């Protein structure tokens, strides 16, 4: 079962408008499922205890606009949500690479000049 802290973090993201209520419900559901048994078949020697971290920074001010930390066990739900915002990215391939242990450290580093944002994604 999800810890109170994890549930509260998701509810705060909804309250702050970082994710929609529907996305929050999906995350809460995935969090409950992840507590029952690992959803992702991971590479040998790899555990689901790692974290997917997403940071979006305003380039003009240097302030963090978005900071999301998801347990790797929720990566499928997170990739599903992310695919709604970036339909041109093959999130299935990224999830497969994460599961196999091929991706670690900073896996995405994008500067969006139009919106003035710096997006970074880490696997830790």
C-alpha atoms as a PDB file:
ATOM      1  CA  UNK A   1       0.000   0.000   0.000  1.00  0.00           C
ATOM      2  CA  UNK A   2       1.215   3.519  -0.765  1.00  0.00           C
ATOM      3  CA  UNK A   3       2.610   5.518   2.081  1.00  0.00           C
ATOM      4  CA  UNK A   4       0.779   8.599   3.259  1.00  0.00           C
ATOM      5  CA  UNK A   5       3.713  10.763   2.160  1.00  0.00           C
ATOM      6  CA  UNK A   6       3.590   9.393  -1.406  1.00  0.00           C
ATOM      7  CA  UNK A   7      -0.167   9.906  -1.654  1.00  0.00           C
ATOM      8  CA  UNK A   8       0.122  13.447  -0.279  1.00  0.00           C
ATOM      9  CA  UNK A   9       2.864  14.277  -2.789  1.00  0.00           C
ATOM     10  CA  UNK A  10       0.582  13.237  -5.655  1.00  0.00           C
ATOM     11  CA  UNK A  11      -2.344  15.203  -4.195  1.00  0.00           C
ATOM     12  CA  UNK A  12      -0.124  18.300  -3.855  1.00  0.00           C
ATOM     13  CA  UNK A  13       0.877  17.993  -7.538  1.00  0.00           C
ATOM     14  CA  UNK A  14      -2.849  17.987  -8.425  1.00  0.00           C
ATOM     15  CA  UNK A  15      -3.520  20.965  -6.156  1.00  0.00           C
ATOM     16  CA  UNK A  16      -0.602  22.916  -7.654  1.00  0.00           C
ATOM     17  CA  UNK A  17      -1.809  22.170 -11.183  1.00  0.00           C
ATOM     18  CA  UNK A  18       1.291  20.174 -12.119  1.00  0.00           C
ATOM     19  CA  UNK A  19      -0.870  17.185 -13.083  1.00  0.00           C
ATOM     20  CA  UNK A  20      -4.590  16.733 -13.694  1.00  0.00           C
ATOM     21  CA  UNK A  21      -6.903  14.903 -11.308  1.00  0.00           C
ATOM     22  CA  UNK A  22      -7.146  12.053 -13.835  1.00  0.00           C
ATOM     23  CA  UNK A  23      -3.350  11.770 -14.006  1.00  0.00           C
ATOM     24  CA  UNK A  24      -3.190  11.817 -10.218  1.00  0.00           C
ATOM     25  CA  UNK A  25      -5.752   9.030 -10.021  1.00  0.00           C
ATOM     26  CA  UNK A  26      -3.673   6.952 -12.434  1.00  0.00           C
ATOM     27  CA  UNK A  27      -0.552   7.541 -10.352  1.00  0.00           C
ATOM     28  CA  UNK A  28      -2.348   6.629  -7.122  1.00  0.00           C
ATOM     29  CA  UNK A  29      -3.664   3.457  -8.726  1.00  0.00           C
ATOM     30  CA  UNK A  30      -0.219   2.556 -10.053  1.00  0.00           C
ATOM     31  CA  UNK A  31       1.265   3.268  -6.634  1.00  0.00           C
ATOM     32  CA  UNK A  32      -1.180   0.834  -5.021  1.00  0.00           C
ATOM     33  CA  UNK A  33      -0.337  -1.802  -7.635  1.00  0.00           C
ATOM     34  CA  UNK A  34       3.406  -1.284  -7.180  1.00  0.00           C
ATOM     35  CA  UNK A  35       3.080  -2.132  -3.487  1.00  0.00           C
ATOM     36  CA  UNK A  36       1.472  -5.485  -4.286  1.00  0.00           C
ATOM     37  CA  UNK A  37       4.175  -6.776  -6.602  1.00  0.00           C
ATOM     38  CA  UNK A  38       6.634  -5.177  -9.015  1.00  0.00           C
ATOM     39  CA  UNK A  39       4.953  -4.296 -12.323  1.00  0.00           C
ATOM     40  CA  UNK A  40       8.120  -3.989 -14.333  1.00  0.00           C
ATOM     41  CA  UNK A  41      10.262  -6.932 -15.272  1.00  0.00           C
ATOM     42  CA  UNK A  42      13.679  -5.465 -14.537  1.00  0.00           C
ATOM     43  CA  UNK A  43      17.105  -6.550 -15.699  1.00  0.00           C
ATOM     44  CA  UNK A  44      18.930  -9.073 -13.455  1.00  0.00           C
ATOM     45  CA  UNK A  45      20.450  -7.346 -10.443  1.00  0.00           C
ATOM     46  CA  UNK A  46      18.271  -4.256 -10.882  1.00  0.00           C
ATOM     47  CA  UNK A  47      15.626  -3.375  -8.323  1.00  0.00           C
ATOM     48  CA  UNK A  48      12.511  -1.236  -8.605  1.00  0.00           C
ATOM     49  CA  UNK A  49      13.794   0.934  -5.763  1.00  0.00           C
ATOM     50  CA  UNK A  50      15.346   3.467  -8.104  1.00  0.00           C
ATOM     51  CA  UNK A  51      13.787   6.811  -8.932  1.00  0.00           C
ATOM     52  CA  UNK A  52      12.789   8.606 -12.108  1.00  0.00           C
ATOM     53  CA  UNK A  53      13.367  12.337 -11.526  1.00  0.00           C
ATOM     54  CA  UNK A  54      12.008  15.056 -13.801  1.00  0.00           C
ATOM     55  CA  UNK A  55      13.076  18.678 -13.415  1.00  0.00           C
ATOM     56  CA  UNK A  56      11.818  21.635 -15.439  1.00  0.00           C
ATOM     57  CA  UNK A  57      13.675  24.886 -14.829  1.00  0.00           C
ATOM     58  CA  UNK A  58      12.744  28.375 -15.998  1.00  0.00           C
ATOM     59  CA  UNK A  59      15.823  29.517 -17.935  1.00  0.00           C
ATOM     60  CA  UNK A  60      15.188  33.216 -17.286  1.00  0.00           C
ATOM     61  CA  UNK A  61      14.927  32.970 -13.499  1.00  0.00           C
ATOM     62  CA  UNK A  62      16.764  29.708 -12.817  1.00  0.00           C
ATOM     63  CA  UNK A  63      13.860  28.621 -10.602  1.00  0.00           C
ATOM     64  CA  UNK A  64      12.490  25.096 -10.683  1.00  0.00           C
ATOM     65  CA  UNK A  65       9.013  25.043 -12.237  1.00  0.00           C
ATOM     66  CA  UNK A  66       8.398  21.301 -11.950  1.00  0.00           C
ATOM     67  CA  UNK A  67      10.047  18.696  -9.780  1.00  0.00           C
ATOM     68  CA  UNK A  68       8.631  15.172  -9.978  1.00  0.00           C
ATOM     69  CA  UNK A  69      10.121  12.059  -8.405  1.00  0.00           C
ATOM     70  CA  UNK A  70       8.582   8.682  -9.249  1.00  0.00           C
ATOM     71  CA  UNK A  71       9.646   5.264  -8.043  1.00  0.00           C
ATOM     72  CA  UNK A  72      10.808   3.164 -10.995  1.00  0.00           C
ATOM     73  CA  UNK A  73       7.974   0.797 -10.202  1.00  0.00           C
ATOM     74  CA  UNK A  74       5.629   3.554 -11.468  1.00  0.00           C
ATOM     75  CA  UNK A  75       7.527   4.230 -14.661  1.00  0.00           C
ATOM     76  CA  UNK A  76       4.781   2.757 -16.878  1.00  0.00           C
ATOM     77  CA  UNK A  77       2.182   5.123 -15.428  1.00  0.00           C
ATOM     78  CA  UNK A  78       4.583   8.057 -15.666  1.00  0.00           C
ATOM     79  CA  UNK A  79       5.437   7.271 -19.273  1.00  0.00           C
ATOM     80  CA  UNK A  80       1.725   7.069 -20.086  1.00  0.00           C
ATOM     81  CA  UNK A  81       1.163  10.516 -18.656  1.00  0.00           C
ATOM     82  CA  UNK A  82       4.279  11.950 -20.329  1.00  0.00           C
ATOM     83  CA  UNK A  83       3.185  10.605 -23.723  1.00  0.00           C
ATOM     84  CA  UNK A  84       0.134  12.903 -23.578  1.00  0.00           C
ATOM     85  CA  UNK A  85       2.431  15.940 -23.523  1.00  0.00           C
ATOM     86  CA  UNK A  86       5.037  14.733 -26.008  1.00  0.00           C
ATOM     87  CA  UNK A  87       3.327  12.474 -28.564  1.00  0.00           C
ATOM     88  CA  UNK A  88       6.378  12.478 -30.846  1.00  0.00           C
ATOM     89  CA  UNK A  89       8.573  10.765 -28.221  1.00  0.00           C
ATOM     90  CA  UNK A  90       8.631   6.955 -28.169  1.00  0.00           C
ATOM     91  CA  UNK A  91       8.107   6.483 -24.435  1.00  0.00           C
ATOM     92  CA  UNK A  92       7.716   2.722 -24.925  1.00  0.00           C
ATOM     93  CA  UNK A  93      11.357   2.504 -26.020  1.00  0.00           C
ATOM     94  CA  UNK A  94      12.461   4.625 -23.083  1.00  0.00           C
ATOM     95  CA  UNK A  95      10.523   2.432 -20.620  1.00  0.00           C
ATOM     96  CA  UNK A  96      12.051  -0.708 -22.159  1.00  0.00           C
ATOM     97  CA  UNK A  97      15.562   0.750 -21.827  1.00  0.00           C
ATOM     98  CA  UNK A  98      14.906   1.683 -18.198  1.00  0.00           C
ATOM     99  CA  UNK A  99      13.599  -1.810 -17.414  1.00  0.00           C
ATOM    100  CA  UNK A 100      16.646  -3.434 -18.986  1.00  0.00           C
ATOM    101  CA  UNK A 101      19.047  -1.232 -17.025  1.00  0.00           C
ATOM    102  CA  UNK A 102      20.456   0.396 -20.177  1.00  0.00           C
ATOM    103  CA  UNK A 103      19.570   3.890 -18.983  1.00  0.00           C
ATOM    104  CA  UNK A 104      20.971   5.475 -15.853  1.00  0.00           C
ATOM    105  CA  UNK A 105      21.974   8.987 -14.838  1.00  0.00           C
ATOM    106  CA  UNK A 106      20.715  11.898 -16.948  1.00  0.00           C
ATOM    107  CA  UNK A 107      18.694  10.423 -19.797  1.00  0.00           C
ATOM    108  CA  UNK A 108      17.045  13.585 -21.143  1.00  0.00           C
ATOM    109  CA  UNK A 109      18.455  17.100 -21.332  1.00  0.00           C
ATOM    110  CA  UNK A 110      16.362  19.440 -23.482  1.00  0.00           C
ATOM    111  CA  UNK A 111      16.296  23.211 -23.751  1.00  0.00           C
ATOM    112  CA  UNK A 112      13.015  24.610 -25.045  1.00  0.00           C
ATOM    113  CA  UNK A 113      13.959  28.055 -26.371  1.00  0.00           C
ATOM    114  CA  UNK A 114      10.362  28.894 -27.257  1.00  0.00           C
ATOM    115  CA  UNK A 115       9.043  28.375 -23.715  1.00  0.00           C
ATOM    116  CA  UNK A 116      12.323  29.262 -21.991  1.00  0.00           C
ATOM    117  CA  UNK A 117      12.503  25.941 -20.144  1.00  0.00           C
ATOM    118  CA  UNK A 118      15.244  23.437 -19.408  1.00  0.00           C
ATOM    119  CA  UNK A 119      13.918  19.869 -19.013  1.00  0.00           C
ATOM    120  CA  UNK A 120      16.038  17.168 -17.390  1.00  0.00           C
ATOM    121  CA  UNK A 121      15.146  13.549 -16.649  1.00  0.00           C
ATOM    122  CA  UNK A 122      17.302  11.313 -14.462  1.00  0.00           C
ATOM    123  CA  UNK A 123      17.275   7.646 -13.484  1.00  0.00           C
ATOM    124  CA  UNK A 124      18.866   7.209 -10.067  1.00  0.00           C
END
